[in-house]
Amino acid sequence: MNPVFFQNRLFADIPVDVLEATPVRERVFAPETVIFREGDHGDTLMLVGSGLVKISKAGWQGHEVVLSLIEANDFFGELALLDREPRSASAIALKNTVIGEIDRSALDFLMEKAPRVLPVNFTQVAIARLRSTNASFVQHILRSERLAVLGTMLSSIVHDLKNPLAAITSSVSYLEQKAPDDFTKSAAHIIKSSADRVVLLTEELLDFARGTARLSPTWTTSNRLLDLLETEILDQVRRTTISVEVENRTKDSFWIDEMRVTRCLANVVKNAWEAMRDRGKLRLEFEGRDSGLFISVADSGPGIPEEFRSQIFEPFMTYRKRTGTGLGLSIAKSCVEAHEGKISFESRPGEGTTFFIWLPKQSQKWLRASLEETAKR
C-alpha cells in the first residue's frame, strides 16, 4: 500500500507494517471524471489519498442530490463491498484525485490482522454518515414538498394571469401599430416586452417546479444575448458604482433558447451584483470553445464560503440575502442542463467568484430530432 493512504480514517491505530502488506490498487482521476455511477457493479472499497470526490444520487424529477463530499484520508463505496449489491450512488472526482481500491481479499487480510480495531473504525464512520444522510434526506423531502406547493400555486397564478396578460399584449400591439408618434410606439413596445417577460418568468418557474424545461431554440449570437442581457439587468447594474466589463470574442451562431439563456445569465449576474453590494467589478466574457459557447461571469465580491459551495445550486439555498427565493441558480442550472451544457464556479474568500457556463453549438437531442424529421420527410 502506498503511504499516501496510511492516514485514512479507516486505518486509525492499525500498525504500519500491516498497512504496508495490504494490497491496494492505485488509480488517478482527473477533475469531473466519473469514478462509478449509481447502479454499476461494485466489489471494492475506495480510499481517498488526495483530492475530492462528490457522492450523489438521482433525486426528485431526476435532479442530482449531493449526499456528501469525500476528502483526503476518508473512504467510500464500502456498501457494495459488504453486500455485493450494485452501487447505491454515483461518485465523481472534483479535483485531481488519487484513489486506492481495496477488494474483498484485502479487507479480509485487514480484518485478520486488526480484528478489534478495523470494525470499530468502520462502525464509527458508518454511524456518522448515517446521521448526516438522515439530515440530508429530511432537507431533501422538505425541498421537494416546497417545490410541489410552488408548482400548485404557480399553476393557479399562471391560469389567472393569462387573460389580463392577453388583453395587455393585444392592446399594446394595436397601440404600437396605430401610435401617432415615436414616443408612444416606444412606450407600447416596452409594455409589450414587459408583459412577455412576465409570461416567461411564470413559465420558467412552473417548468422548474415540474422538473421540466420546455425550450424554444433559435439560431442566435452572443451579441444578441448581450443586447438582451443589457435590457434585462446590465443597464441596472451600470447605474450603480459597480464597474461592468464585457468582452465578446466570438461571432458564431448557436442553436439555443435565447430568452431562457438570457434569464439564466441574468440570475448569475444578479447574484454577483448582490454579493458585491453595489461596489466592485463585474466582468463577462464570451468565446467559442469546444464546439460551443463558453461564458464566464466574474465578480470581485467576498466569495462563497467552503461550507456553502456544495449546496449553491440547491433550491431555496440563500447566502447573505435579506430577500430572494433561493431559486435563481437552481433555475440557471436546469436551463443549462436542458441545453446539454455545463455550469460550474470557482470562488476564493475575499477575491470573488466566477461562474462558468458552456453551451453546445447545437445539442445532440436537437440534432437527433432534426435527423429524425429529415428521415421522415
Protein backbone atom coordinates (compact mmCIF):
# COMPACT_ATOMS: atom_id res chain seq x y z
CA MET A 1 0.00 0.00 0.00
CA ASN A 2 1.19 3.49 -0.88
CA PRO A 3 1.99 5.53 2.30
CA VAL A 4 -0.38 8.25 0.98
CA PHE A 5 -3.23 6.07 2.32
CA PHE A 6 -1.77 5.39 5.78
CA GLN A 7 -3.57 8.36 7.39
CA ASN A 8 -7.00 7.24 6.21
CA ARG A 9 -9.60 7.31 8.99
CA LEU A 10 -10.38 3.65 8.33
CA PHE A 11 -6.85 2.74 9.42
CA ALA A 12 -6.63 4.61 12.73
CA ASP A 13 -4.47 2.64 15.21
CA ILE A 14 -3.62 -0.10 12.69
CA PRO A 15 0.15 -0.87 12.66
CA VAL A 16 2.14 0.46 9.69
CA ASP A 17 3.60 -2.96 8.87
CA VAL A 18 0.06 -4.33 8.40
CA LEU A 19 -0.83 -1.46 6.07
CA GLU A 20 2.37 -1.91 4.07
CA ALA A 21 1.47 -5.56 3.48
CA THR A 22 -2.12 -4.78 2.40
CA PRO A 23 -2.61 -4.96 -1.40
CA VAL A 24 -4.23 -1.81 -2.84
CA ARG A 25 -4.89 -0.94 -6.49
CA GLU A 26 -3.98 2.72 -7.03
CA ARG A 27 -5.81 4.89 -9.59
CA VAL A 28 -5.74 8.60 -10.53
CA PHE A 29 -8.84 10.52 -11.70
CA ALA A 30 -8.87 13.92 -13.40
CA PRO A 31 -11.43 16.59 -12.37
CA GLU A 32 -15.04 15.86 -13.44
CA THR A 33 -14.22 12.19 -14.09
CA VAL A 34 -16.87 9.63 -13.13
CA ILE A 35 -15.41 7.03 -10.75
CA PHE A 36 -18.59 4.95 -10.81
CA ARG A 37 -22.29 5.52 -11.40
CA GLU A 38 -25.32 4.57 -9.37
CA GLY A 39 -26.32 1.04 -10.32
CA ASP A 40 -22.86 -0.03 -11.50
CA HIS A 41 -21.43 -3.33 -10.30
CA GLY A 42 -19.03 -2.78 -7.41
CA ASP A 43 -16.79 -5.01 -5.35
CA THR A 44 -14.19 -2.61 -3.95
CA LEU A 45 -13.91 -0.01 -1.20
CA MET A 46 -12.30 3.30 -2.26
CA LEU A 47 -9.67 5.13 -0.22
CA VAL A 48 -9.06 8.82 -0.99
CA GLY A 49 -5.35 9.57 -0.85
CA SER A 50 -5.71 13.13 -2.15
CA GLY A 51 -8.32 15.23 -3.96
CA LEU A 52 -12.09 15.50 -3.53
CA VAL A 53 -14.97 13.17 -4.51
CA LYS A 54 -18.68 14.03 -4.82
CA ILE A 55 -21.20 11.33 -3.84
CA SER A 56 -24.66 11.88 -5.32
CA LYS A 57 -27.95 10.19 -6.25
CA ALA A 58 -30.69 10.88 -8.77
CA GLY A 59 -33.46 12.54 -6.78
CA TRP A 60 -36.79 14.23 -7.42
CA GLN A 61 -37.58 14.61 -11.15
CA GLY A 62 -34.10 13.29 -11.94
CA HIS A 63 -32.33 16.19 -10.22
CA GLU A 64 -28.97 15.35 -8.71
CA VAL A 65 -28.88 15.19 -4.92
CA VAL A 66 -25.42 15.60 -3.41
CA LEU A 67 -25.08 13.27 -0.43
CA SER A 68 -21.56 14.13 0.65
CA LEU A 69 -18.09 15.30 -0.34
CA ILE A 70 -15.32 12.82 0.46
CA GLU A 71 -11.96 14.45 1.16
CA ALA A 72 -8.45 13.06 1.52
CA ASN A 73 -7.95 10.42 4.26
CA ASP A 74 -11.56 9.26 4.01
CA PHE A 75 -13.19 6.35 2.15
CA PHE A 76 -16.39 5.47 0.26
CA GLY A 77 -18.01 2.63 -1.69
CA GLU A 78 -18.00 0.27 1.27
CA LEU A 79 -21.62 -0.91 0.89
CA ALA A 80 -21.05 -2.66 -2.45
CA LEU A 81 -18.03 -4.45 -0.99
CA LEU A 82 -20.00 -5.70 2.02
CA ASP A 83 -23.34 -6.68 0.49
CA ARG A 84 -22.19 -7.30 -3.12
CA GLU A 85 -25.10 -5.22 -4.43
CA PRO A 86 -24.84 -2.55 -7.20
CA ARG A 87 -23.50 0.89 -6.30
CA SER A 88 -26.14 2.86 -4.38
CA ALA A 89 -24.84 6.28 -5.50
CA SER A 90 -22.54 7.90 -8.05
CA ALA A 91 -19.00 9.12 -7.36
CA ILE A 92 -17.30 11.89 -9.36
CA ALA A 93 -13.82 13.34 -8.83
CA LEU A 94 -14.00 17.13 -8.39
CA LYS A 95 -10.22 17.61 -8.33
CA ASN A 96 -7.20 15.56 -9.35
CA THR A 97 -7.84 12.60 -7.07
CA VAL A 98 -5.73 9.62 -6.04
CA ILE A 99 -7.85 6.58 -5.20
CA GLY A 100 -6.82 3.27 -3.62
CA GLU A 101 -9.15 0.30 -4.19
CA ILE A 102 -9.45 -2.44 -1.58
CA ASP A 103 -11.12 -5.66 -2.68
CA ARG A 104 -12.66 -8.40 -0.54
CA SER A 105 -9.40 -10.33 -0.08
CA ALA A 106 -7.55 -7.19 1.10
CA LEU A 107 -10.38 -6.41 3.54
CA ASP A 108 -10.25 -9.97 4.90
CA PHE A 109 -6.49 -9.58 5.38
CA LEU A 110 -7.00 -6.37 7.39
CA MET A 111 -9.76 -7.99 9.46
CA GLU A 112 -7.42 -10.87 10.26
CA LYS A 113 -4.51 -8.60 11.25
CA ALA A 114 -6.58 -5.98 13.12
CA PRO A 115 -9.73 -7.81 14.31
CA ARG A 116 -10.54 -5.32 17.08
CA VAL A 117 -9.52 -2.01 15.53
CA LEU A 118 -10.91 -2.15 11.98
CA PRO A 119 -14.57 -2.96 12.91
CA VAL A 120 -14.61 -0.11 15.46
CA ASN A 121 -13.24 2.40 12.93
CA PHE A 122 -15.70 1.24 10.30
CA THR A 123 -18.68 1.41 12.68
CA GLN A 124 -17.81 4.93 13.86
CA VAL A 125 -17.65 6.22 10.30
CA ALA A 126 -20.88 4.40 9.33
CA ILE A 127 -22.80 5.93 12.26
CA ALA A 128 -21.54 9.45 11.47
CA ARG A 129 -22.58 9.07 7.84
CA LEU A 130 -25.98 7.69 8.80
CA ARG A 131 -26.66 10.77 10.90
CA SER A 132 -25.56 13.05 8.05
CA THR A 133 -27.61 11.15 5.46
CA ASN A 134 -30.73 11.31 7.64
CA ALA A 135 -30.35 15.08 7.96
CA SER A 136 -29.84 15.44 4.18
CA PHE A 137 -32.85 13.22 3.48
CA VAL A 138 -35.12 15.34 5.68
CA GLN A 139 -33.90 18.52 3.95
CA HIS A 140 -34.49 16.95 0.54
CA ILE A 141 -38.05 15.94 1.47
CA LEU A 142 -38.77 19.46 2.71
CA ARG A 143 -37.41 20.98 -0.53
CA SER A 144 -39.49 18.56 -2.61
CA GLU A 145 -42.64 19.47 -0.69
CA ARG A 146 -41.92 23.18 -1.12
CA LEU A 147 -41.41 22.68 -4.86
CA ALA A 148 -44.69 20.73 -5.09
CA VAL A 149 -46.54 23.56 -3.30
CA LEU A 150 -44.78 26.09 -5.53
CA GLY A 151 -45.89 24.22 -8.64
CA THR A 152 -49.52 24.12 -7.49
CA MET A 153 -49.53 27.83 -6.64
CA LEU A 154 -47.85 28.81 -9.91
CA SER A 155 -50.31 26.74 -11.97
CA SER A 156 -53.15 28.72 -10.41
CA ILE A 157 -51.33 32.05 -10.81
CA VAL A 158 -50.45 31.41 -14.46
CA HIS A 159 -54.06 30.43 -15.20
CA ASP A 160 -55.33 33.65 -13.62
CA LEU A 161 -52.70 35.80 -15.36
CA LYS A 162 -53.33 34.57 -18.90
CA ASN A 163 -56.47 36.58 -19.60
CA PRO A 164 -55.25 40.01 -18.34
CA LEU A 165 -51.85 39.50 -19.98
CA ALA A 166 -53.50 38.55 -23.27
CA ALA A 167 -55.58 41.73 -23.05
CA ILE A 168 -52.49 43.82 -22.35
CA THR A 169 -50.42 42.35 -25.21
CA SER A 170 -53.22 42.60 -27.77
CA SER A 171 -54.00 46.19 -26.76
CA VAL A 172 -50.40 47.39 -26.88
CA SER A 173 -49.85 45.60 -30.20
CA TYR A 174 -52.74 47.59 -31.63
CA LEU A 175 -51.42 50.78 -29.98
CA GLU A 176 -47.94 50.14 -31.38
CA GLN A 177 -49.37 49.90 -34.91
CA LYS A 178 -51.65 52.94 -34.64
CA ALA A 179 -49.42 55.17 -32.48
CA PRO A 180 -49.25 58.75 -33.81
CA ASP A 181 -45.66 59.34 -32.67
CA ASP A 182 -42.41 57.50 -31.94
CA PHE A 183 -42.63 58.03 -28.18
CA THR A 184 -45.98 56.23 -27.96
CA LYS A 185 -44.67 53.41 -30.14
CA SER A 186 -41.64 53.07 -27.90
CA ALA A 187 -43.78 53.04 -24.74
CA ALA A 188 -46.10 50.43 -26.25
CA HIS A 189 -43.11 48.27 -27.17
CA ILE A 190 -41.78 48.48 -23.59
CA ILE A 191 -45.18 47.47 -22.18
CA LYS A 192 -45.43 44.51 -24.57
CA SER A 193 -41.87 43.38 -23.80
CA SER A 194 -42.54 43.62 -20.06
CA ALA A 195 -45.74 41.58 -20.37
CA ASP A 196 -43.86 38.93 -22.38
CA ARG A 197 -41.20 38.81 -19.65
CA VAL A 198 -43.88 38.21 -17.00
CA VAL A 199 -45.18 35.27 -19.03
CA LEU A 200 -41.64 33.91 -19.45
CA LEU A 201 -40.88 34.26 -15.74
CA THR A 202 -44.01 32.41 -14.67
CA GLU A 203 -43.49 29.65 -17.24
CA GLU A 204 -39.85 29.32 -16.18
CA LEU A 205 -40.83 28.90 -12.54
CA LEU A 206 -43.61 26.50 -13.43
CA ASP A 207 -41.29 24.36 -15.56
CA PHE A 208 -38.73 24.28 -12.76
CA ALA A 209 -41.32 23.23 -10.18
CA ARG A 210 -42.44 20.44 -12.53
CA GLY A 211 -38.86 19.37 -13.19
CA THR A 212 -39.08 20.13 -16.91
CA ALA A 213 -37.61 22.74 -19.24
CA ARG A 214 -39.54 23.39 -22.44
CA LEU A 215 -37.14 25.22 -24.73
CA SER A 216 -37.75 27.20 -27.92
CA PRO A 217 -34.33 27.23 -29.62
CA THR A 218 -33.35 29.54 -32.48
CA TRP A 219 -30.08 30.41 -34.16
CA THR A 220 -28.66 33.36 -32.25
CA THR A 221 -25.34 35.02 -31.43
CA SER A 222 -23.52 36.22 -28.34
CA ASN A 223 -24.08 39.81 -29.50
CA ARG A 224 -27.82 39.19 -29.44
CA LEU A 225 -27.57 37.64 -25.95
CA LEU A 226 -25.63 40.67 -24.71
CA ASP A 227 -28.26 43.04 -26.11
CA LEU A 228 -30.99 41.10 -24.30
CA LEU A 229 -28.92 40.92 -21.10
CA GLU A 230 -28.28 44.65 -21.23
CA THR A 231 -32.03 45.31 -21.18
CA GLU A 232 -32.69 42.56 -18.63
CA ILE A 233 -30.17 43.57 -15.94
CA LEU A 234 -26.81 45.04 -17.07
CA ASP A 235 -28.27 48.50 -17.58
CA GLN A 236 -29.44 48.48 -13.95
CA VAL A 237 -26.01 47.33 -12.72
CA ARG A 238 -24.28 50.11 -14.68
CA ARG A 239 -26.34 52.69 -12.78
CA THR A 240 -24.59 51.66 -9.56
CA THR A 241 -20.93 52.16 -8.66
CA ILE A 242 -20.12 48.67 -9.99
CA SER A 243 -17.73 48.65 -12.94
CA VAL A 244 -19.03 46.43 -15.76
CA GLU A 245 -16.64 44.96 -18.34
CA VAL A 246 -17.75 42.85 -21.30
CA GLU A 247 -15.52 41.04 -23.78
CA ASN A 248 -17.05 39.15 -26.69
CA ARG A 249 -14.59 37.06 -28.71
CA THR A 250 -16.97 35.06 -30.93
CA LYS A 251 -19.22 35.85 -33.87
CA ASP A 252 -20.54 32.29 -34.27
CA SER A 253 -24.22 31.38 -34.15
CA PHE A 254 -25.67 28.95 -31.60
CA TRP A 255 -28.92 26.94 -31.55
CA ILE A 256 -30.28 27.89 -28.11
CA ASP A 257 -33.33 29.33 -26.39
CA GLU A 258 -32.07 32.90 -26.22
CA MET A 259 -34.72 34.12 -23.78
CA ARG A 260 -34.11 31.27 -21.31
CA VAL A 261 -30.33 31.65 -21.58
CA THR A 262 -30.68 35.40 -21.03
CA ARG A 263 -32.68 34.72 -17.87
CA CYS A 264 -30.07 32.17 -16.80
CA LEU A 265 -27.27 34.73 -17.19
CA ALA A 266 -29.38 37.41 -15.51
CA ASN A 267 -29.76 35.16 -12.45
CA VAL A 268 -25.99 34.70 -12.25
CA VAL A 269 -25.35 38.43 -12.74
CA LYS A 270 -27.94 39.30 -10.09
CA ASN A 271 -26.22 37.02 -7.58
CA ALA A 272 -22.89 38.71 -8.34
CA TRP A 273 -24.47 42.16 -8.00
CA GLU A 274 -25.98 41.31 -4.62
CA ALA A 275 -22.71 39.76 -3.41
CA MET A 276 -20.77 42.95 -4.22
CA ARG A 277 -23.38 45.20 -2.56
CA ASP A 278 -23.23 47.90 -5.28
CA ARG A 279 -19.44 48.23 -5.32
CA GLY A 280 -16.74 46.31 -7.14
CA LYS A 281 -16.14 44.94 -10.65
CA LEU A 282 -18.25 42.64 -12.81
CA ARG A 283 -16.67 41.06 -15.88
CA LEU A 284 -18.40 38.97 -18.56
CA GLU A 285 -16.55 37.06 -21.27
CA PHE A 286 -17.99 35.22 -24.27
CA GLU A 287 -15.93 32.98 -26.54
CA GLY A 288 -16.23 29.93 -28.77
CA ARG A 289 -14.77 26.86 -27.11
CA ASP A 290 -15.06 23.09 -27.61
CA SER A 291 -17.68 23.47 -30.37
CA GLY A 292 -19.88 25.64 -28.18
CA LEU A 293 -20.35 28.95 -26.41
CA PHE A 294 -18.28 29.49 -23.26
CA ILE A 295 -19.37 32.27 -20.89
CA SER A 296 -17.74 33.43 -17.67
CA VAL A 297 -19.25 35.85 -15.15
CA ALA A 298 -16.72 37.09 -12.59
CA ASP A 299 -17.30 39.35 -9.60
CA SER A 300 -14.98 40.93 -7.03
CA GLY A 301 -17.24 40.10 -4.08
CA PRO A 302 -16.39 38.32 -0.82
CA GLY A 303 -16.52 34.83 -2.32
CA ILE A 304 -18.58 31.81 -1.27
CA PRO A 305 -17.60 30.07 1.98
CA GLU A 306 -16.45 26.47 1.59
CA GLU A 307 -19.34 25.08 3.65
CA PHE A 308 -21.95 26.51 1.23
CA ARG A 309 -20.33 25.57 -2.09
CA SER A 310 -21.75 22.06 -2.37
CA GLN A 311 -25.29 23.47 -1.94
CA ILE A 312 -25.02 26.50 -4.21
CA PHE A 313 -27.30 25.05 -6.91
CA GLU A 314 -29.80 23.56 -4.45
CA PRO A 315 -33.38 25.01 -4.46
CA PHE A 316 -34.14 27.58 -1.73
CA MET A 317 -30.44 27.97 -0.92
CA THR A 318 -29.62 31.59 0.00
CA TYR A 319 -26.48 33.15 1.47
CA ARG A 320 -26.17 36.68 2.87
CA LYS A 321 -29.51 37.73 1.34
CA ARG A 322 -32.31 39.55 3.07
CA THR A 323 -34.68 38.87 0.16
CA GLY A 324 -34.96 36.32 -2.64
CA THR A 325 -36.40 32.85 -3.17
CA GLY A 326 -33.13 30.93 -3.43
CA LEU A 327 -34.23 29.56 -6.83
CA GLY A 328 -32.13 31.71 -9.20
CA LEU A 329 -29.07 29.48 -9.53
CA SER A 330 -31.19 26.30 -9.43
CA ILE A 331 -33.20 27.59 -12.40
CA ALA A 332 -29.98 28.65 -14.16
CA LYS A 333 -28.57 25.14 -13.73
CA SER A 334 -31.75 23.49 -15.04
CA CYS A 335 -31.63 25.78 -18.13
CA VAL A 336 -28.00 24.90 -18.87
CA GLU A 337 -28.60 21.18 -18.40
CA ALA A 338 -31.70 21.32 -20.64
CA HIS A 339 -29.34 22.60 -23.36
CA GLU A 340 -26.99 19.69 -22.53
CA GLY A 341 -24.43 22.20 -21.30
CA LYS A 342 -22.37 22.58 -18.12
CA ILE A 343 -22.28 25.14 -15.32
CA SER A 344 -19.66 25.41 -12.58
CA PHE A 345 -17.90 28.02 -10.47
CA GLU A 346 -14.69 28.92 -8.68
CA SER A 347 -14.59 31.04 -5.55
CA ARG A 348 -11.88 32.44 -3.30
CA PRO A 349 -12.63 34.14 0.01
CA GLY A 350 -12.08 37.88 -0.27
CA GLU A 351 -11.30 37.71 -4.01
CA GLY A 352 -14.64 36.94 -5.62
CA THR A 353 -16.48 34.25 -7.55
CA THR A 354 -16.51 33.26 -11.22
CA PHE A 355 -19.29 31.22 -12.81
CA PHE A 356 -18.56 29.26 -15.99
CA ILE A 357 -21.27 28.25 -18.46
CA TRP A 358 -20.73 26.15 -21.57
CA LEU A 359 -23.49 25.56 -24.12
CA PRO A 360 -23.06 23.31 -27.17
CA LYS A 361 -23.44 24.92 -30.59
CA GLN A 362 -26.41 22.60 -31.07
CA SER A 363 -27.31 19.93 -28.52
CA GLN A 364 -27.32 16.28 -29.53
CA LYS A 365 -31.02 15.87 -28.75
CA TRP A 366 -31.91 18.59 -31.28
CA LEU A 367 -29.53 17.11 -33.83
CA ARG A 368 -31.21 13.72 -33.39
CA ALA A 369 -34.65 15.31 -33.68
CA SER A 370 -33.58 17.11 -36.87
CA LEU A 371 -32.21 13.92 -38.38
CA GLU A 372 -35.40 12.02 -37.49
CA GLU A 373 -37.54 14.75 -39.07
CA THR A 374 -35.38 14.70 -42.21
CA ALA A 375 -35.67 10.91 -42.41
CA LYS A 376 -39.46 11.12 -42.16
CA ARG A 377 -39.60 13.60 -45.00
